[in-house]
């Protein structure tokens, strides 16, 4: 499975795609690099308590899949590279869920990934692609899952589209994702 396929699967597990809602301005529904998503649920404890989440406010994401070699057993190795200091106490998830329940945007400050440090240690060239994403106009860059996929969040679809276009012109594998705000 390629990193692009893995990322699409990752998004399917977190979000429910609604590709038919994409307008011409936001992208072509037949273009596999444009997707609509909607958060579905929040799991707590060991996953035994499931709470439905309200729809995201209009939010756009740009995902960048760096052209790095596939690593066998990557996730297991990434877990092995974690340190106690890499973990949080749930404050970021609580803040994100509270924002969603209040109908607010997901703020970059509440985005946390335990693999954030480990991914940049594990993939030595990943920092180069973080800089490319920033230079393309991304305000903040985050690691998706255990990497190497990177993403940025945008309040404005136009800004996300511009960053996406800059990355595409560089021949990079990237995806433009829009939240689905309807029912």
N, C-alpha and C. Protein backbone atom coordinates (compact mmCIF):
# COMPACT_ATOMS: atom_id res chain seq x y z
N UNK A 1 0.86 -1.17 0.00
CA UNK A 1 0.00 0.00 0.00
C UNK A 1 0.90 1.24 0.00
N UNK A 2 0.63 2.17 -0.93
CA UNK A 2 1.43 3.40 -0.98
C UNK A 2 1.04 4.32 0.17
N UNK A 3 1.88 5.32 0.44
CA UNK A 3 1.55 6.28 1.50
C UNK A 3 0.27 7.04 1.15
N UNK A 4 0.07 7.31 -0.14
CA UNK A 4 -1.16 7.98 -0.56
C UNK A 4 -2.39 7.13 -0.26
N UNK A 5 -2.29 5.83 -0.56
CA UNK A 5 -3.40 4.93 -0.27
C UNK A 5 -3.61 4.81 1.24
N UNK A 6 -2.50 4.75 1.99
CA UNK A 6 -2.61 4.67 3.44
C UNK A 6 -3.29 5.91 3.99
N UNK A 7 -2.91 7.08 3.46
CA UNK A 7 -3.49 8.33 3.94
C UNK A 7 -4.98 8.37 3.65
N UNK A 8 -5.37 7.92 2.44
CA UNK A 8 -6.79 7.89 2.11
C UNK A 8 -7.53 6.96 3.07
N UNK A 9 -6.94 5.81 3.39
CA UNK A 9 -7.54 4.87 4.33
C UNK A 9 -7.62 5.49 5.72
N UNK A 10 -6.55 6.19 6.12
CA UNK A 10 -6.52 6.89 7.41
C UNK A 10 -7.67 7.88 7.49
N UNK A 11 -7.87 8.65 6.43
CA UNK A 11 -8.95 9.64 6.42
C UNK A 11 -10.31 8.95 6.46
N UNK A 12 -10.45 7.82 5.76
CA UNK A 12 -11.72 7.10 5.80
C UNK A 12 -12.04 6.62 7.21
N UNK A 13 -11.02 6.25 7.97
CA UNK A 13 -11.24 5.79 9.34
C UNK A 13 -11.64 6.92 10.26
N UNK A 14 -11.21 8.13 9.97
CA UNK A 14 -11.52 9.27 10.82
C UNK A 14 -12.73 10.05 10.29
N UNK A 15 -12.81 10.16 8.99
CA UNK A 15 -13.85 10.97 8.37
C UNK A 15 -14.66 10.14 7.38
N UNK A 16 -15.85 10.60 7.09
CA UNK A 16 -16.69 9.96 6.10
C UNK A 16 -16.68 10.84 4.85
N UNK A 17 -16.13 10.38 3.71
CA UNK A 17 -16.03 11.26 2.55
C UNK A 17 -17.38 11.52 1.88
N UNK A 18 -17.56 12.74 1.46
CA UNK A 18 -18.75 13.15 0.72
C UNK A 18 -18.31 13.84 -0.55
N UNK A 19 -17.76 13.06 -1.47
CA UNK A 19 -17.17 13.63 -2.69
C UNK A 19 -18.20 14.28 -3.60
N UNK A 20 -19.47 13.89 -3.52
CA UNK A 20 -20.48 14.45 -4.42
C UNK A 20 -20.83 15.89 -4.06
N UNK A 21 -20.40 16.38 -2.92
CA UNK A 21 -20.71 17.74 -2.50
C UNK A 21 -19.67 18.75 -2.95
N UNK A 22 -18.64 18.33 -3.67
CA UNK A 22 -17.57 19.23 -4.07
C UNK A 22 -18.05 20.10 -5.22
N UNK A 23 -17.85 21.39 -5.11
CA UNK A 23 -18.26 22.31 -6.17
C UNK A 23 -17.12 22.48 -7.15
N UNK A 24 -17.41 23.06 -8.29
CA UNK A 24 -16.39 23.29 -9.30
C UNK A 24 -15.28 24.19 -8.75
N UNK A 25 -15.63 25.17 -7.93
CA UNK A 25 -14.63 26.07 -7.36
C UNK A 25 -13.67 25.33 -6.43
N UNK A 26 -14.17 24.33 -5.73
CA UNK A 26 -13.36 23.63 -4.74
C UNK A 26 -12.56 22.48 -5.33
N UNK A 27 -12.87 22.07 -6.50
CA UNK A 27 -12.14 20.96 -7.09
C UNK A 27 -13.06 20.04 -7.86
N UNK A 28 -12.47 19.17 -8.62
CA UNK A 28 -13.19 18.23 -9.45
C UNK A 28 -13.49 16.96 -8.65
N UNK A 29 -14.78 16.56 -8.54
CA UNK A 29 -15.10 15.35 -7.77
C UNK A 29 -14.46 14.09 -8.33
N UNK A 30 -14.06 14.11 -9.60
CA UNK A 30 -13.40 12.95 -10.19
C UNK A 30 -11.89 12.98 -10.01
N UNK A 31 -11.36 14.08 -9.49
CA UNK A 31 -9.93 14.19 -9.22
C UNK A 31 -9.66 13.54 -7.87
N UNK A 32 -8.86 12.47 -7.86
CA UNK A 32 -8.61 11.73 -6.63
C UNK A 32 -7.85 12.54 -5.60
N UNK A 33 -7.33 13.71 -5.98
CA UNK A 33 -6.58 14.51 -5.01
C UNK A 33 -7.47 15.53 -4.30
N UNK A 34 -8.79 15.49 -4.55
CA UNK A 34 -9.73 16.37 -3.86
C UNK A 34 -10.78 15.51 -3.15
N UNK A 35 -10.95 15.72 -1.85
CA UNK A 35 -11.85 14.90 -1.04
C UNK A 35 -12.62 15.79 -0.08
N UNK A 36 -13.85 15.39 0.24
CA UNK A 36 -14.64 16.05 1.28
C UNK A 36 -14.72 15.10 2.47
N UNK A 37 -14.62 15.63 3.68
CA UNK A 37 -14.67 14.78 4.86
C UNK A 37 -15.56 15.38 5.94
N UNK A 38 -16.04 14.53 6.83
CA UNK A 38 -16.83 14.97 7.98
C UNK A 38 -16.44 14.10 9.17
N UNK A 39 -16.09 14.73 10.32
CA UNK A 39 -15.77 13.91 11.48
C UNK A 39 -17.01 13.17 11.94
N UNK A 40 -16.83 11.96 12.40
CA UNK A 40 -17.97 11.13 12.78
C UNK A 40 -18.12 10.96 14.29
N UNK A 41 -17.03 10.64 14.99
CA UNK A 41 -17.18 10.28 16.39
C UNK A 41 -15.90 10.53 17.16
N UNK A 42 -16.04 10.54 18.47
CA UNK A 42 -14.91 10.66 19.39
C UNK A 42 -14.97 9.45 20.32
N UNK A 43 -13.89 8.68 20.37
CA UNK A 43 -13.82 7.51 21.25
C UNK A 43 -13.06 7.88 22.51
N UNK A 44 -13.55 7.41 23.66
CA UNK A 44 -12.89 7.70 24.93
C UNK A 44 -12.55 6.40 25.64
N UNK A 45 -11.70 6.53 26.67
CA UNK A 45 -11.27 5.36 27.42
C UNK A 45 -10.50 4.44 26.52
N UNK A 46 -10.91 3.20 26.49
CA UNK A 46 -10.27 2.21 25.62
C UNK A 46 -11.09 2.02 24.35
N UNK A 47 -11.91 3.02 24.05
CA UNK A 47 -12.75 2.96 22.87
C UNK A 47 -14.16 2.50 23.18
N UNK A 48 -14.46 2.26 24.47
CA UNK A 48 -15.77 1.74 24.84
C UNK A 48 -16.85 2.83 24.88
N UNK A 49 -16.46 4.10 25.00
CA UNK A 49 -17.42 5.20 25.03
C UNK A 49 -17.28 6.00 23.74
N UNK A 50 -18.32 5.97 22.92
CA UNK A 50 -18.30 6.63 21.62
C UNK A 50 -19.30 7.76 21.63
N UNK A 51 -18.82 8.97 21.33
CA UNK A 51 -19.67 10.16 21.31
C UNK A 51 -19.70 10.72 19.90
N UNK A 52 -20.90 10.90 19.31
CA UNK A 52 -20.95 11.55 17.99
C UNK A 52 -20.44 12.98 18.08
N UNK A 53 -19.75 13.43 17.05
CA UNK A 53 -19.25 14.79 17.00
C UNK A 53 -20.10 15.63 16.07
N UNK A 54 -20.26 16.92 16.38
CA UNK A 54 -20.97 17.80 15.45
C UNK A 54 -20.11 18.03 14.21
N UNK A 55 -20.70 18.51 13.12
CA UNK A 55 -19.90 18.76 11.91
C UNK A 55 -18.84 19.83 12.15
N UNK A 56 -17.73 19.69 11.45
CA UNK A 56 -16.71 20.73 11.46
C UNK A 56 -17.27 21.99 10.84
N UNK A 57 -16.82 23.14 11.31
CA UNK A 57 -17.11 24.35 10.55
C UNK A 57 -16.29 24.21 9.28
N UNK A 58 -16.55 25.04 8.31
CA UNK A 58 -15.84 24.95 7.05
C UNK A 58 -14.33 25.00 7.29
N UNK A 59 -13.67 23.90 6.99
CA UNK A 59 -12.24 23.76 7.21
C UNK A 59 -11.63 23.05 6.01
N UNK A 60 -10.45 23.47 5.65
CA UNK A 60 -9.74 22.84 4.53
C UNK A 60 -8.41 22.31 5.02
N UNK A 61 -7.97 21.25 4.39
CA UNK A 61 -6.70 20.62 4.75
C UNK A 61 -5.90 20.39 3.48
N UNK A 62 -4.59 20.52 3.56
CA UNK A 62 -3.71 20.11 2.49
C UNK A 62 -2.82 19.02 3.06
N UNK A 63 -2.79 17.88 2.39
CA UNK A 63 -1.95 16.76 2.80
C UNK A 63 -0.82 16.62 1.79
N UNK A 64 0.38 16.41 2.28
CA UNK A 64 1.55 16.21 1.44
C UNK A 64 2.14 14.85 1.76
N UNK A 65 2.30 14.02 0.73
CA UNK A 65 2.91 12.70 0.89
C UNK A 65 4.33 12.80 0.35
N UNK A 66 5.32 12.94 1.23
CA UNK A 66 6.70 13.06 0.76
C UNK A 66 7.14 11.81 0.02
N UNK A 67 7.94 11.98 -1.02
CA UNK A 67 8.42 10.81 -1.79
C UNK A 67 9.58 10.12 -1.07
N UNK A 68 9.26 9.52 0.05
CA UNK A 68 10.26 8.82 0.86
C UNK A 68 10.07 7.32 0.69
N UNK A 69 11.13 6.54 0.83
CA UNK A 69 11.00 5.09 0.67
C UNK A 69 10.07 4.49 1.73
N UNK A 70 9.31 3.49 1.29
CA UNK A 70 8.44 2.77 2.23
C UNK A 70 9.32 1.97 3.18
N UNK A 71 8.96 2.01 4.46
CA UNK A 71 9.74 1.32 5.48
C UNK A 71 8.93 0.16 6.02
N UNK A 72 9.46 -1.04 5.91
CA UNK A 72 8.79 -2.23 6.43
C UNK A 72 8.70 -2.15 7.95
N UNK A 73 7.52 -2.41 8.50
CA UNK A 73 7.34 -2.39 9.94
C UNK A 73 7.44 -1.00 10.55
N UNK A 74 7.15 0.02 9.76
CA UNK A 74 7.33 1.42 10.18
C UNK A 74 6.59 1.76 11.46
N UNK A 75 5.31 1.44 11.55
CA UNK A 75 4.53 1.85 12.72
C UNK A 75 5.06 1.19 13.98
N UNK A 76 5.39 -0.08 13.91
CA UNK A 76 5.96 -0.77 15.07
C UNK A 76 7.27 -0.11 15.48
N UNK A 77 8.09 0.20 14.51
CA UNK A 77 9.37 0.86 14.81
C UNK A 77 9.15 2.26 15.37
N UNK A 78 8.14 2.94 14.87
CA UNK A 78 7.84 4.28 15.38
C UNK A 78 7.43 4.21 16.85
N UNK A 79 6.58 3.23 17.18
CA UNK A 79 6.20 3.07 18.58
C UNK A 79 7.43 2.82 19.45
N UNK A 80 8.38 2.07 18.91
CA UNK A 80 9.61 1.80 19.64
C UNK A 80 10.47 3.03 19.85
N UNK A 81 10.28 4.06 19.03
CA UNK A 81 11.05 5.30 19.14
C UNK A 81 10.41 6.34 20.06
N UNK A 82 9.22 6.05 20.58
CA UNK A 82 8.55 7.01 21.45
C UNK A 82 9.23 7.09 22.81
N UNK A 83 9.17 8.28 23.38
CA UNK A 83 9.69 8.53 24.73
C UNK A 83 8.52 8.98 25.60
N UNK A 84 8.68 8.86 26.90
CA UNK A 84 7.64 9.30 27.84
C UNK A 84 7.28 10.76 27.57
N UNK A 85 8.26 11.60 27.27
CA UNK A 85 8.03 13.02 27.04
C UNK A 85 7.19 13.30 25.78
N UNK A 86 7.05 12.30 24.90
CA UNK A 86 6.26 12.49 23.68
C UNK A 86 4.76 12.47 23.94
N UNK A 87 4.34 11.95 25.07
CA UNK A 87 2.92 11.78 25.36
C UNK A 87 2.34 13.01 26.05
N UNK A 88 1.07 13.25 25.80
CA UNK A 88 0.32 14.31 26.48
C UNK A 88 -0.67 13.62 27.43
N UNK A 89 -1.44 14.42 28.14
CA UNK A 89 -2.39 13.86 29.10
C UNK A 89 -3.84 13.99 28.64
N UNK A 90 -4.04 14.13 27.34
CA UNK A 90 -5.39 14.20 26.80
C UNK A 90 -5.92 15.61 26.65
N UNK A 91 -5.14 16.61 27.05
CA UNK A 91 -5.63 17.98 27.00
C UNK A 91 -5.90 18.47 25.58
N UNK A 92 -5.17 17.96 24.61
CA UNK A 92 -5.36 18.40 23.23
C UNK A 92 -6.66 17.84 22.66
N UNK A 93 -6.94 16.58 22.91
CA UNK A 93 -8.19 15.96 22.45
C UNK A 93 -9.37 16.66 23.11
N UNK A 94 -9.28 16.89 24.42
CA UNK A 94 -10.37 17.58 25.14
C UNK A 94 -10.63 18.96 24.54
N UNK A 95 -9.56 19.71 24.25
CA UNK A 95 -9.72 21.04 23.68
C UNK A 95 -10.33 20.98 22.28
N UNK A 96 -9.91 20.00 21.47
CA UNK A 96 -10.46 19.86 20.12
C UNK A 96 -11.94 19.50 20.16
N UNK A 97 -12.31 18.54 21.02
CA UNK A 97 -13.71 18.13 21.13
C UNK A 97 -14.56 19.30 21.63
N UNK A 98 -14.06 20.06 22.60
CA UNK A 98 -14.78 21.22 23.11
C UNK A 98 -15.00 22.26 22.01
N UNK A 99 -13.97 22.51 21.21
CA UNK A 99 -14.11 23.44 20.08
C UNK A 99 -15.19 22.99 19.12
N UNK A 100 -15.17 21.69 18.77
CA UNK A 100 -16.17 21.16 17.84
C UNK A 100 -17.57 21.28 18.42
N UNK A 101 -17.73 20.97 19.71
CA UNK A 101 -19.05 21.05 20.34
C UNK A 101 -19.56 22.48 20.41
N UNK A 102 -18.66 23.46 20.45
CA UNK A 102 -19.05 24.87 20.47
C UNK A 102 -19.20 25.44 19.06
N UNK A 103 -19.00 24.59 18.05
CA UNK A 103 -19.13 25.04 16.66
C UNK A 103 -17.98 25.90 16.18
N UNK A 104 -16.85 25.81 16.87
CA UNK A 104 -15.68 26.60 16.50
C UNK A 104 -14.77 25.80 15.56
N UNK A 105 -13.85 26.52 14.95
CA UNK A 105 -12.85 25.89 14.10
C UNK A 105 -11.85 25.11 14.94
N UNK A 106 -11.28 24.09 14.34
CA UNK A 106 -10.16 23.39 14.98
C UNK A 106 -8.95 24.30 14.88
N UNK A 107 -8.43 24.70 16.00
CA UNK A 107 -7.26 25.57 16.02
C UNK A 107 -5.99 24.72 15.94
N UNK A 108 -4.99 25.20 15.21
CA UNK A 108 -3.74 24.45 15.10
C UNK A 108 -3.10 24.15 16.46
N UNK A 109 -3.35 25.01 17.45
CA UNK A 109 -2.77 24.79 18.78
C UNK A 109 -3.29 23.53 19.46
N UNK A 110 -4.45 23.02 19.04
CA UNK A 110 -4.98 21.82 19.69
C UNK A 110 -4.60 20.55 18.92
N UNK A 111 -3.87 20.72 17.84
CA UNK A 111 -3.44 19.56 17.06
C UNK A 111 -2.20 18.96 17.74
N UNK A 112 -2.28 17.69 18.11
CA UNK A 112 -1.18 17.01 18.76
C UNK A 112 -1.07 15.60 18.20
N UNK A 113 0.15 15.18 18.00
CA UNK A 113 0.40 13.82 17.54
C UNK A 113 1.60 13.29 18.31
N UNK A 114 1.41 12.20 19.01
CA UNK A 114 2.48 11.60 19.81
C UNK A 114 3.71 11.29 18.95
N UNK A 115 3.52 11.08 17.64
CA UNK A 115 4.63 10.76 16.75
C UNK A 115 5.33 11.99 16.18
N UNK A 116 4.91 13.19 16.58
CA UNK A 116 5.48 14.42 16.02
C UNK A 116 7.00 14.46 16.03
N UNK A 117 7.61 14.27 17.16
CA UNK A 117 9.07 14.29 17.26
C UNK A 117 9.67 13.04 16.61
N UNK A 118 9.12 11.89 16.93
CA UNK A 118 9.67 10.63 16.45
C UNK A 118 9.69 10.54 14.93
N UNK A 119 8.67 11.08 14.27
CA UNK A 119 8.61 11.01 12.80
C UNK A 119 9.76 11.77 12.16
N UNK A 120 10.09 12.93 12.72
CA UNK A 120 11.18 13.71 12.14
C UNK A 120 12.54 13.09 12.45
N UNK A 121 12.64 12.35 13.53
CA UNK A 121 13.87 11.60 13.82
C UNK A 121 13.97 10.37 12.91
N UNK A 122 12.85 9.70 12.69
CA UNK A 122 12.81 8.45 11.93
C UNK A 122 13.02 8.69 10.43
N UNK A 123 12.41 9.76 9.90
CA UNK A 123 12.52 10.10 8.48
C UNK A 123 13.42 11.33 8.36
N UNK A 124 14.73 11.13 8.17
CA UNK A 124 15.66 12.26 8.18
C UNK A 124 15.33 13.36 7.17
N UNK A 125 14.75 13.03 6.04
CA UNK A 125 14.44 14.05 5.02
C UNK A 125 13.05 14.65 5.20
N UNK A 126 12.31 14.22 6.20
CA UNK A 126 10.94 14.72 6.41
C UNK A 126 10.94 16.22 6.68
N UNK A 127 11.95 16.71 7.38
CA UNK A 127 12.03 18.14 7.68
C UNK A 127 12.08 18.97 6.40
N UNK A 128 12.74 18.44 5.35
CA UNK A 128 12.80 19.13 4.06
C UNK A 128 11.39 19.36 3.52
N UNK A 129 10.51 18.35 3.66
CA UNK A 129 9.15 18.46 3.12
C UNK A 129 8.27 19.33 4.01
N UNK A 130 8.57 19.39 5.31
CA UNK A 130 7.87 20.33 6.18
C UNK A 130 8.17 21.75 5.70
N UNK A 131 9.44 22.02 5.37
CA UNK A 131 9.83 23.35 4.89
C UNK A 131 9.19 23.66 3.54
N UNK A 132 9.11 22.67 2.66
CA UNK A 132 8.47 22.87 1.35
C UNK A 132 7.00 23.25 1.56
N UNK A 133 6.32 22.58 2.47
CA UNK A 133 4.91 22.87 2.75
C UNK A 133 4.77 24.28 3.34
N UNK A 134 5.67 24.65 4.24
CA UNK A 134 5.64 26.01 4.80
C UNK A 134 5.91 27.06 3.72
N UNK A 135 6.91 26.79 2.88
CA UNK A 135 7.25 27.74 1.80
C UNK A 135 6.11 27.88 0.81
N UNK A 136 5.28 26.84 0.67
CA UNK A 136 4.12 26.90 -0.22
C UNK A 136 3.00 27.73 0.40
N UNK A 137 3.13 28.06 1.70
CA UNK A 137 2.14 28.92 2.35
C UNK A 137 1.40 28.30 3.51
N UNK A 138 1.77 27.10 3.92
CA UNK A 138 1.09 26.45 5.05
C UNK A 138 1.46 27.17 6.35
N UNK A 139 0.47 27.57 7.14
CA UNK A 139 0.77 28.28 8.38
C UNK A 139 1.44 27.41 9.43
N UNK A 140 1.02 26.17 9.53
CA UNK A 140 1.59 25.20 10.47
C UNK A 140 1.57 23.84 9.80
N UNK A 141 2.53 23.02 10.12
CA UNK A 141 2.62 21.69 9.50
C UNK A 141 2.60 20.64 10.61
N UNK A 142 1.76 19.62 10.40
CA UNK A 142 1.58 18.54 11.38
C UNK A 142 1.85 17.20 10.70
N UNK A 143 2.21 16.20 11.50
CA UNK A 143 2.40 14.83 11.01
C UNK A 143 1.06 14.10 11.13
N UNK A 144 0.68 13.38 10.09
CA UNK A 144 -0.52 12.55 10.13
C UNK A 144 -0.12 11.14 10.53
N UNK A 145 -0.78 10.60 11.52
CA UNK A 145 -0.48 9.24 11.96
C UNK A 145 0.97 9.12 12.38
N UNK A 146 1.62 8.04 11.95
CA UNK A 146 3.03 7.84 12.27
C UNK A 146 3.93 8.33 11.16
N UNK A 147 3.37 9.13 10.24
CA UNK A 147 4.16 9.72 9.17
C UNK A 147 4.31 8.77 7.99
N UNK A 148 4.90 9.21 6.94
CA UNK A 148 5.50 10.52 6.75
C UNK A 148 4.54 11.57 6.21
N UNK A 149 3.25 11.24 6.08
CA UNK A 149 2.29 12.22 5.56
C UNK A 149 2.28 13.45 6.47
N UNK A 150 2.29 14.63 5.84
CA UNK A 150 2.21 15.91 6.55
C UNK A 150 0.93 16.61 6.15
N UNK A 151 0.38 17.44 7.03
CA UNK A 151 -0.82 18.19 6.67
C UNK A 151 -0.83 19.55 7.34
N UNK A 152 -1.66 20.42 6.78
CA UNK A 152 -1.87 21.75 7.34
C UNK A 152 -3.37 22.05 7.28
N UNK A 153 -3.83 22.85 8.24
CA UNK A 153 -5.25 23.20 8.34
C UNK A 153 -5.43 24.65 7.90
N UNK A 154 -6.52 24.91 7.17
CA UNK A 154 -6.81 26.26 6.67
C UNK A 154 -8.26 26.62 6.96
N UNK A 155 -8.49 27.84 7.39
CA UNK A 155 -9.85 28.33 7.59
C UNK A 155 -10.50 28.67 6.26
N UNK A 156 -9.69 29.08 5.29
CA UNK A 156 -10.20 29.50 3.98
C UNK A 156 -9.84 28.50 2.89
N UNK A 157 -10.84 28.05 2.16
CA UNK A 157 -10.62 27.09 1.08
C UNK A 157 -9.70 27.66 -0.01
N UNK A 158 -9.83 28.95 -0.27
CA UNK A 158 -9.01 29.58 -1.32
C UNK A 158 -7.53 29.48 -0.97
N UNK A 159 -7.18 29.77 0.28
CA UNK A 159 -5.79 29.70 0.73
C UNK A 159 -5.27 28.26 0.62
N UNK A 160 -6.08 27.29 1.04
CA UNK A 160 -5.69 25.88 0.94
C UNK A 160 -5.47 25.50 -0.53
N UNK A 161 -6.37 25.96 -1.40
CA UNK A 161 -6.24 25.67 -2.83
C UNK A 161 -4.97 26.24 -3.43
N UNK A 162 -4.57 27.42 -2.97
CA UNK A 162 -3.34 28.03 -3.47
C UNK A 162 -2.11 27.22 -3.04
N UNK A 163 -2.10 26.79 -1.78
CA UNK A 163 -0.99 25.98 -1.28
C UNK A 163 -0.94 24.65 -2.04
N UNK A 164 -2.10 24.02 -2.19
CA UNK A 164 -2.21 22.77 -2.94
C UNK A 164 -1.65 22.93 -4.35
N UNK A 165 -2.04 24.01 -5.04
CA UNK A 165 -1.57 24.25 -6.42
C UNK A 165 -0.06 24.44 -6.47
N UNK A 166 0.50 25.15 -5.50
CA UNK A 166 1.96 25.34 -5.47
C UNK A 166 2.68 23.99 -5.31
N UNK A 167 2.15 23.14 -4.47
CA UNK A 167 2.76 21.82 -4.28
C UNK A 167 2.63 20.96 -5.54
N UNK A 168 1.45 21.00 -6.17
CA UNK A 168 1.21 20.23 -7.39
C UNK A 168 2.18 20.66 -8.49
N UNK A 169 2.41 21.98 -8.60
CA UNK A 169 3.33 22.49 -9.62
C UNK A 169 4.76 21.98 -9.39
N UNK A 170 5.08 21.61 -8.17
CA UNK A 170 6.40 21.05 -7.87
C UNK A 170 6.44 19.54 -8.11
N UNK A 171 5.31 18.99 -8.57
CA UNK A 171 5.25 17.56 -8.87
C UNK A 171 5.12 16.68 -7.64
N UNK A 172 4.67 17.26 -6.53
CA UNK A 172 4.55 16.49 -5.29
C UNK A 172 3.17 15.85 -5.16
N UNK A 173 3.13 14.70 -4.50
CA UNK A 173 1.85 14.04 -4.25
C UNK A 173 1.18 14.76 -3.09
N UNK A 174 0.04 15.36 -3.37
CA UNK A 174 -0.67 16.09 -2.33
C UNK A 174 -2.17 15.99 -2.57
N UNK A 175 -2.92 16.30 -1.53
CA UNK A 175 -4.38 16.18 -1.57
C UNK A 175 -4.99 17.41 -0.94
N UNK A 176 -6.10 17.85 -1.50
CA UNK A 176 -6.87 18.98 -0.99
C UNK A 176 -8.14 18.40 -0.41
N UNK A 177 -8.37 18.64 0.88
CA UNK A 177 -9.49 18.03 1.59
C UNK A 177 -10.35 19.13 2.20
N UNK A 178 -11.68 19.01 2.03
CA UNK A 178 -12.62 19.98 2.57
C UNK A 178 -13.55 19.28 3.57
N UNK A 179 -13.85 19.98 4.65
CA UNK A 179 -14.84 19.41 5.58
C UNK A 179 -16.20 19.50 4.95
N UNK A 180 -17.03 18.56 5.29
CA UNK A 180 -18.42 18.53 4.84
C UNK A 180 -19.25 19.07 6.00
N UNK A 181 -19.93 20.21 5.80
CA UNK A 181 -20.63 20.85 6.89
C UNK A 181 -22.12 20.59 6.90
N UNK A 182 -22.63 19.90 5.90
CA UNK A 182 -24.07 19.62 5.82
C UNK A 182 -24.43 18.33 6.52
N UNK A 183 -25.70 18.00 6.48
CA UNK A 183 -26.16 16.75 7.11
C UNK A 183 -26.23 15.63 6.11
